[in-house]
N, C-alpha and C. Protein backbone atom coordinates (compact mmCIF):
# COMPACT_ATOMS: atom_id res chain seq x y z
N MET A 1 0.85 -1.17 0.00
CA MET A 1 0.00 0.00 0.00
C MET A 1 0.90 1.24 0.00
N THR A 2 0.52 2.20 -0.81
CA THR A 2 1.32 3.42 -0.88
C THR A 2 0.61 4.66 -0.37
N SER A 3 -0.73 4.67 -0.43
CA SER A 3 -1.42 5.89 0.00
C SER A 3 -2.84 5.59 0.47
N VAL A 4 -3.37 6.57 1.20
CA VAL A 4 -4.76 6.56 1.65
C VAL A 4 -5.37 7.87 1.18
N SER A 5 -6.54 7.82 0.55
CA SER A 5 -7.24 9.02 0.10
C SER A 5 -8.39 9.31 1.04
N ILE A 6 -8.50 10.56 1.45
CA ILE A 6 -9.49 10.98 2.43
C ILE A 6 -10.37 12.06 1.81
N ALA A 7 -11.68 11.85 1.84
CA ALA A 7 -12.63 12.83 1.32
C ALA A 7 -12.73 14.02 2.28
N ALA A 8 -12.89 15.20 1.71
CA ALA A 8 -12.95 16.40 2.54
C ALA A 8 -13.73 17.50 1.84
N PRO A 9 -14.43 18.34 2.62
CA PRO A 9 -15.10 19.48 2.02
C PRO A 9 -14.12 20.59 1.64
N ASP A 10 -12.91 20.56 2.21
CA ASP A 10 -11.85 21.51 1.88
C ASP A 10 -10.52 20.77 2.05
N PRO A 11 -10.06 20.10 1.00
CA PRO A 11 -8.89 19.23 1.14
C PRO A 11 -7.60 19.93 1.56
N ARG A 12 -7.40 21.17 1.12
CA ARG A 12 -6.17 21.86 1.51
C ARG A 12 -6.18 22.18 3.00
N ALA A 13 -7.33 22.56 3.53
CA ALA A 13 -7.42 22.84 4.98
C ALA A 13 -7.23 21.57 5.79
N LEU A 14 -7.82 20.45 5.34
CA LEU A 14 -7.67 19.21 6.09
C LEU A 14 -6.24 18.70 6.01
N ALA A 15 -5.58 18.86 4.86
CA ALA A 15 -4.17 18.47 4.75
C ALA A 15 -3.32 19.31 5.71
N ALA A 16 -3.62 20.59 5.83
CA ALA A 16 -2.87 21.45 6.76
C ALA A 16 -3.05 20.95 8.20
N PHE A 17 -4.27 20.54 8.57
CA PHE A 17 -4.50 19.99 9.91
C PHE A 17 -3.62 18.75 10.13
N TYR A 18 -3.69 17.78 9.21
CA TYR A 18 -2.91 16.56 9.39
C TYR A 18 -1.40 16.84 9.33
N GLY A 19 -1.00 17.83 8.58
CA GLY A 19 0.40 18.24 8.59
C GLY A 19 0.83 18.70 9.98
N ARG A 20 -0.01 19.55 10.61
CA ARG A 20 0.28 20.01 11.98
C ARG A 20 0.29 18.83 12.94
N LEU A 21 -0.72 17.99 12.84
CA LEU A 21 -0.86 16.85 13.75
C LEU A 21 0.34 15.91 13.67
N LEU A 22 0.76 15.60 12.46
CA LEU A 22 1.81 14.61 12.26
C LEU A 22 3.21 15.21 12.14
N GLY A 23 3.30 16.52 12.14
CA GLY A 23 4.60 17.17 12.01
C GLY A 23 5.21 16.98 10.63
N LEU A 24 4.36 16.93 9.62
CA LEU A 24 4.81 16.73 8.24
C LEU A 24 4.35 17.90 7.37
N ALA A 25 5.12 18.18 6.36
CA ALA A 25 4.75 19.25 5.44
C ALA A 25 3.73 18.75 4.43
N VAL A 26 2.85 19.64 4.02
CA VAL A 26 1.98 19.36 2.88
C VAL A 26 2.88 19.46 1.66
N THR A 27 2.99 18.37 0.91
CA THR A 27 3.97 18.32 -0.19
C THR A 27 3.40 18.74 -1.54
N THR A 28 2.10 18.61 -1.72
CA THR A 28 1.49 18.96 -3.00
C THR A 28 0.09 19.52 -2.77
N THR A 29 -0.26 20.54 -3.51
CA THR A 29 -1.64 21.05 -3.50
C THR A 29 -2.04 21.38 -4.92
N GLU A 30 -3.33 21.28 -5.17
CA GLU A 30 -3.89 21.71 -6.45
C GLU A 30 -5.03 22.66 -6.16
N PRO A 31 -5.14 23.74 -6.94
CA PRO A 31 -6.20 24.73 -6.72
C PRO A 31 -7.55 24.20 -7.20
N PRO A 32 -8.60 24.98 -6.94
CA PRO A 32 -9.92 24.59 -7.44
C PRO A 32 -9.94 24.48 -8.96
N ARG A 33 -10.72 23.55 -9.44
CA ARG A 33 -10.92 23.42 -10.88
C ARG A 33 -11.86 24.53 -11.36
N ALA A 34 -11.76 24.87 -12.61
CA ALA A 34 -12.62 25.91 -13.19
C ALA A 34 -14.08 25.55 -12.98
N GLY A 35 -14.84 26.51 -12.48
CA GLY A 35 -16.27 26.30 -12.29
C GLY A 35 -16.63 25.62 -10.98
N PHE A 36 -15.65 25.27 -10.16
CA PHE A 36 -15.91 24.62 -8.87
C PHE A 36 -15.75 25.64 -7.75
N PRO A 37 -16.28 25.33 -6.58
CA PRO A 37 -16.16 26.27 -5.45
C PRO A 37 -14.70 26.42 -5.00
N PRO A 38 -14.40 27.49 -4.25
CA PRO A 38 -13.02 27.74 -3.83
C PRO A 38 -12.43 26.63 -2.95
N GLU A 39 -13.27 25.83 -2.32
CA GLU A 39 -12.78 24.74 -1.46
C GLU A 39 -12.32 23.53 -2.28
N ASP A 40 -12.71 23.47 -3.54
CA ASP A 40 -12.34 22.36 -4.40
C ASP A 40 -10.82 22.29 -4.52
N GLY A 41 -10.32 21.14 -4.84
CA GLY A 41 -8.89 20.97 -5.05
C GLY A 41 -8.42 19.64 -4.49
N TRP A 42 -7.15 19.58 -4.22
CA TRP A 42 -6.52 18.33 -3.80
C TRP A 42 -5.25 18.68 -3.06
N ALA A 43 -4.86 17.86 -2.10
CA ALA A 43 -3.62 18.08 -1.37
C ALA A 43 -3.04 16.74 -0.93
N GLN A 44 -1.75 16.78 -0.61
CA GLN A 44 -1.08 15.53 -0.26
C GLN A 44 -0.02 15.79 0.81
N ILE A 45 0.09 14.80 1.71
CA ILE A 45 1.18 14.76 2.68
C ILE A 45 1.95 13.48 2.40
N ARG A 46 3.23 13.63 2.16
CA ARG A 46 4.07 12.47 1.88
C ARG A 46 5.19 12.45 2.91
N PRO A 47 5.25 11.39 3.74
CA PRO A 47 6.33 11.34 4.73
C PRO A 47 7.68 11.18 4.03
N PRO A 48 8.74 11.67 4.66
CA PRO A 48 10.07 11.48 4.08
C PRO A 48 10.37 9.99 3.91
N SER A 49 11.14 9.66 2.90
CA SER A 49 11.45 8.25 2.65
C SER A 49 12.20 7.62 3.81
N THR A 50 12.89 8.42 4.60
CA THR A 50 13.61 7.89 5.76
C THR A 50 12.67 7.49 6.90
N VAL A 51 11.46 8.04 6.89
CA VAL A 51 10.47 7.74 7.93
C VAL A 51 9.57 6.59 7.51
N GLY A 52 9.18 6.59 6.26
CA GLY A 52 8.25 5.58 5.76
C GLY A 52 6.82 5.90 6.12
N GLY A 53 5.93 5.04 5.71
CA GLY A 53 4.51 5.24 5.97
C GLY A 53 3.78 5.67 4.73
N PRO A 54 2.46 5.58 4.76
CA PRO A 54 1.68 5.90 3.57
C PRO A 54 1.58 7.41 3.32
N THR A 55 1.40 7.74 2.06
CA THR A 55 1.07 9.10 1.66
C THR A 55 -0.41 9.31 1.98
N LEU A 56 -0.76 10.51 2.45
CA LEU A 56 -2.16 10.86 2.68
C LEU A 56 -2.59 11.84 1.59
N ASN A 57 -3.62 11.47 0.85
CA ASN A 57 -4.21 12.32 -0.18
C ASN A 57 -5.53 12.86 0.33
N PHE A 58 -5.81 14.10 0.07
CA PHE A 58 -7.06 14.73 0.49
C PHE A 58 -7.78 15.22 -0.76
N GLU A 59 -8.97 14.68 -0.98
CA GLU A 59 -9.73 14.95 -2.21
C GLU A 59 -11.03 15.68 -1.88
N TYR A 60 -11.37 16.61 -2.74
CA TYR A 60 -12.61 17.37 -2.57
C TYR A 60 -13.82 16.48 -2.77
N GLU A 61 -14.78 16.60 -1.87
CA GLU A 61 -16.04 15.88 -1.96
C GLU A 61 -17.15 16.91 -1.79
N SER A 62 -17.86 17.20 -2.88
CA SER A 62 -18.87 18.26 -2.83
C SER A 62 -20.03 17.92 -1.90
N GLY A 63 -20.36 16.67 -1.77
CA GLY A 63 -21.47 16.26 -0.90
C GLY A 63 -21.00 15.66 0.40
N TYR A 64 -19.84 16.09 0.89
CA TYR A 64 -19.26 15.49 2.08
C TYR A 64 -20.22 15.53 3.27
N VAL A 65 -20.35 14.40 3.92
CA VAL A 65 -21.13 14.27 5.16
C VAL A 65 -20.20 13.61 6.18
N ALA A 66 -20.01 14.23 7.31
CA ALA A 66 -19.13 13.66 8.34
C ALA A 66 -19.69 12.34 8.83
N PRO A 67 -18.81 11.36 9.08
CA PRO A 67 -19.28 10.08 9.60
C PRO A 67 -19.76 10.21 11.03
N THR A 68 -20.61 9.30 11.41
CA THR A 68 -21.13 9.25 12.78
C THR A 68 -20.22 8.35 13.61
N TRP A 69 -19.81 8.83 14.77
CA TRP A 69 -19.02 8.02 15.70
C TRP A 69 -19.71 8.01 17.05
N PRO A 70 -20.01 6.82 17.58
CA PRO A 70 -19.87 5.52 16.92
C PRO A 70 -20.92 5.36 15.82
N SER A 71 -20.67 4.41 14.95
CA SER A 71 -21.59 4.16 13.84
C SER A 71 -23.00 3.89 14.35
N ALA A 72 -23.97 4.31 13.57
CA ALA A 72 -25.38 4.11 13.93
C ALA A 72 -26.17 3.79 12.67
N PRO A 73 -27.15 2.91 12.76
CA PRO A 73 -27.96 2.56 11.59
C PRO A 73 -28.60 3.81 10.97
N GLY A 74 -28.57 3.87 9.64
CA GLY A 74 -29.21 4.96 8.93
C GLY A 74 -28.41 6.26 8.91
N ARG A 75 -27.23 6.27 9.50
CA ARG A 75 -26.39 7.47 9.53
C ARG A 75 -25.13 7.23 8.69
N GLN A 76 -24.45 8.29 8.34
CA GLN A 76 -23.22 8.16 7.55
C GLN A 76 -22.22 7.26 8.28
N GLN A 77 -21.77 6.22 7.60
CA GLN A 77 -20.85 5.25 8.20
C GLN A 77 -19.40 5.68 7.99
N ILE A 78 -18.53 5.23 8.88
CA ILE A 78 -17.10 5.47 8.76
C ILE A 78 -16.58 4.57 7.64
N GLN A 79 -15.87 5.13 6.69
CA GLN A 79 -15.32 4.36 5.58
C GLN A 79 -13.93 3.83 5.92
N VAL A 80 -13.17 4.63 6.65
CA VAL A 80 -11.81 4.26 7.03
C VAL A 80 -11.40 5.21 8.15
N HIS A 81 -10.47 4.79 8.98
CA HIS A 81 -9.91 5.73 9.95
C HIS A 81 -8.42 5.44 10.10
N LEU A 82 -7.69 6.42 10.57
CA LEU A 82 -6.25 6.29 10.76
C LEU A 82 -5.95 5.89 12.20
N ASP A 83 -4.99 4.99 12.38
CA ASP A 83 -4.46 4.64 13.69
C ASP A 83 -3.08 5.25 13.78
N ILE A 84 -2.84 6.02 14.84
CA ILE A 84 -1.57 6.73 14.99
C ILE A 84 -0.91 6.27 16.29
N ALA A 85 0.25 5.67 16.17
CA ALA A 85 1.01 5.21 17.34
C ALA A 85 1.72 6.40 17.97
N VAL A 86 1.64 6.47 19.30
CA VAL A 86 2.26 7.57 20.05
C VAL A 86 2.98 7.01 21.28
N ASP A 87 3.90 7.77 21.82
CA ASP A 87 4.59 7.35 23.04
C ASP A 87 3.74 7.57 24.28
N ASP A 88 2.99 8.67 24.31
CA ASP A 88 2.20 9.07 25.48
C ASP A 88 0.81 9.50 24.99
N VAL A 89 -0.20 8.72 25.30
CA VAL A 89 -1.55 8.99 24.78
C VAL A 89 -2.08 10.33 25.29
N ASP A 90 -1.92 10.61 26.58
CA ASP A 90 -2.44 11.87 27.12
C ASP A 90 -1.78 13.09 26.46
N ALA A 91 -0.47 13.04 26.29
CA ALA A 91 0.23 14.14 25.63
C ALA A 91 -0.20 14.24 24.17
N ALA A 92 -0.42 13.11 23.52
CA ALA A 92 -0.85 13.12 22.12
C ALA A 92 -2.25 13.71 21.98
N VAL A 93 -3.13 13.43 22.94
CA VAL A 93 -4.48 14.02 22.91
C VAL A 93 -4.38 15.54 22.97
N GLU A 94 -3.54 16.05 23.86
CA GLU A 94 -3.38 17.50 23.97
C GLU A 94 -2.79 18.09 22.70
N TRP A 95 -1.80 17.41 22.12
CA TRP A 95 -1.20 17.85 20.86
C TRP A 95 -2.27 17.90 19.76
N ALA A 96 -3.07 16.84 19.68
CA ALA A 96 -4.12 16.77 18.66
C ALA A 96 -5.14 17.89 18.85
N ARG A 97 -5.50 18.16 20.10
CA ARG A 97 -6.44 19.27 20.37
C ARG A 97 -5.86 20.60 19.90
N LYS A 98 -4.59 20.83 20.20
CA LYS A 98 -3.95 22.08 19.77
C LYS A 98 -3.88 22.19 18.25
N ALA A 99 -3.77 21.04 17.58
CA ALA A 99 -3.73 21.03 16.11
C ALA A 99 -5.11 21.29 15.51
N GLY A 100 -6.20 21.07 16.30
CA GLY A 100 -7.55 21.32 15.80
C GLY A 100 -8.51 20.16 15.92
N ALA A 101 -8.09 19.05 16.53
CA ALA A 101 -8.96 17.89 16.72
C ALA A 101 -9.79 18.04 17.99
N THR A 102 -10.82 17.20 18.08
CA THR A 102 -11.60 17.13 19.32
C THR A 102 -11.62 15.69 19.81
N LEU A 103 -11.72 15.54 21.10
CA LEU A 103 -11.83 14.22 21.70
C LEU A 103 -13.26 13.72 21.51
N ALA A 104 -13.40 12.53 20.95
CA ALA A 104 -14.74 11.97 20.75
C ALA A 104 -15.37 11.67 22.11
N GLU A 105 -16.66 11.84 22.19
CA GLU A 105 -17.37 11.56 23.45
C GLU A 105 -17.30 10.08 23.79
N PHE A 106 -17.52 9.21 22.81
CA PHE A 106 -17.51 7.77 23.04
C PHE A 106 -16.09 7.24 22.89
N GLN A 107 -15.60 6.58 23.95
CA GLN A 107 -14.26 6.00 23.97
C GLN A 107 -14.39 4.52 24.31
N PRO A 108 -14.25 3.62 23.32
CA PRO A 108 -14.51 2.20 23.55
C PRO A 108 -13.38 1.41 24.20
N GLN A 109 -12.17 1.97 24.25
CA GLN A 109 -11.04 1.23 24.80
C GLN A 109 -10.29 2.09 25.80
N GLU A 110 -9.79 1.45 26.84
CA GLU A 110 -9.11 2.17 27.91
C GLU A 110 -7.80 2.82 27.46
N HIS A 111 -7.03 2.16 26.60
CA HIS A 111 -5.70 2.64 26.25
C HIS A 111 -5.61 3.23 24.84
N VAL A 112 -6.76 3.54 24.27
CA VAL A 112 -6.84 4.17 22.95
C VAL A 112 -7.74 5.39 23.09
N ARG A 113 -7.41 6.46 22.41
CA ARG A 113 -8.27 7.64 22.40
C ARG A 113 -8.74 7.89 20.97
N VAL A 114 -10.04 7.97 20.82
CA VAL A 114 -10.63 8.31 19.53
C VAL A 114 -10.77 9.83 19.48
N MET A 115 -10.21 10.39 18.42
CA MET A 115 -10.26 11.82 18.19
C MET A 115 -11.03 12.05 16.89
N LEU A 116 -11.52 13.27 16.72
CA LEU A 116 -12.21 13.66 15.48
C LEU A 116 -11.44 14.81 14.85
N ASP A 117 -11.12 14.66 13.56
CA ASP A 117 -10.44 15.76 12.87
C ASP A 117 -11.43 16.90 12.65
N PRO A 118 -11.00 18.04 12.13
CA PRO A 118 -11.90 19.20 12.00
C PRO A 118 -13.16 18.97 11.18
N VAL A 119 -13.19 17.94 10.32
CA VAL A 119 -14.40 17.69 9.54
C VAL A 119 -15.10 16.40 9.97
N GLY A 120 -14.69 15.84 11.11
CA GLY A 120 -15.41 14.73 11.70
C GLY A 120 -14.88 13.33 11.46
N HIS A 121 -13.80 13.17 10.70
CA HIS A 121 -13.22 11.83 10.53
C HIS A 121 -12.62 11.38 11.87
N PRO A 122 -13.00 10.20 12.36
CA PRO A 122 -12.33 9.71 13.56
C PRO A 122 -10.93 9.20 13.23
N PHE A 123 -10.04 9.34 14.19
CA PHE A 123 -8.73 8.70 14.13
C PHE A 123 -8.36 8.29 15.55
N CYS A 124 -7.52 7.28 15.67
CA CYS A 124 -7.20 6.72 16.99
C CYS A 124 -5.75 6.98 17.33
N LEU A 125 -5.53 7.36 18.59
CA LEU A 125 -4.20 7.49 19.15
C LEU A 125 -4.01 6.32 20.11
N PHE A 126 -2.93 5.58 19.95
CA PHE A 126 -2.67 4.45 20.85
C PHE A 126 -1.20 4.40 21.21
N ALA A 127 -0.93 3.89 22.41
CA ALA A 127 0.45 3.84 22.91
C ALA A 127 1.23 2.73 22.24
N THR A 128 2.49 3.02 21.94
CA THR A 128 3.35 2.03 21.32
C THR A 128 3.93 1.07 22.34
N ARG A 129 3.80 1.38 23.61
CA ARG A 129 4.34 0.48 24.66
C ARG A 129 3.22 -0.16 25.43
């Protein structure tokens, strides 16, 4: 696997959030296409080859609906989520909040924290030890 594509109502803004969260630069952006709203476009975060890991692509979705967490019948389902390994979960939660995430109300596991990015995609922070 080389990359994960994430739908967003404003891909450049969401790429900037994940760049702050992960400490990585946004490596590529594309402007709105002719005739599309200003939020249209595309962006990418590519980790350095020395670090490894998948590239994150952010694609414009005109009808974007944030997923429901936890999933519920008849509501927008989660299509995919990111798992992020951290040394200290509590410190990572604070870092994520400062980057623009929110702590999800429902937390199903004691040693994992579910966070929501600025447009509602859940992602998990878990300890590597």
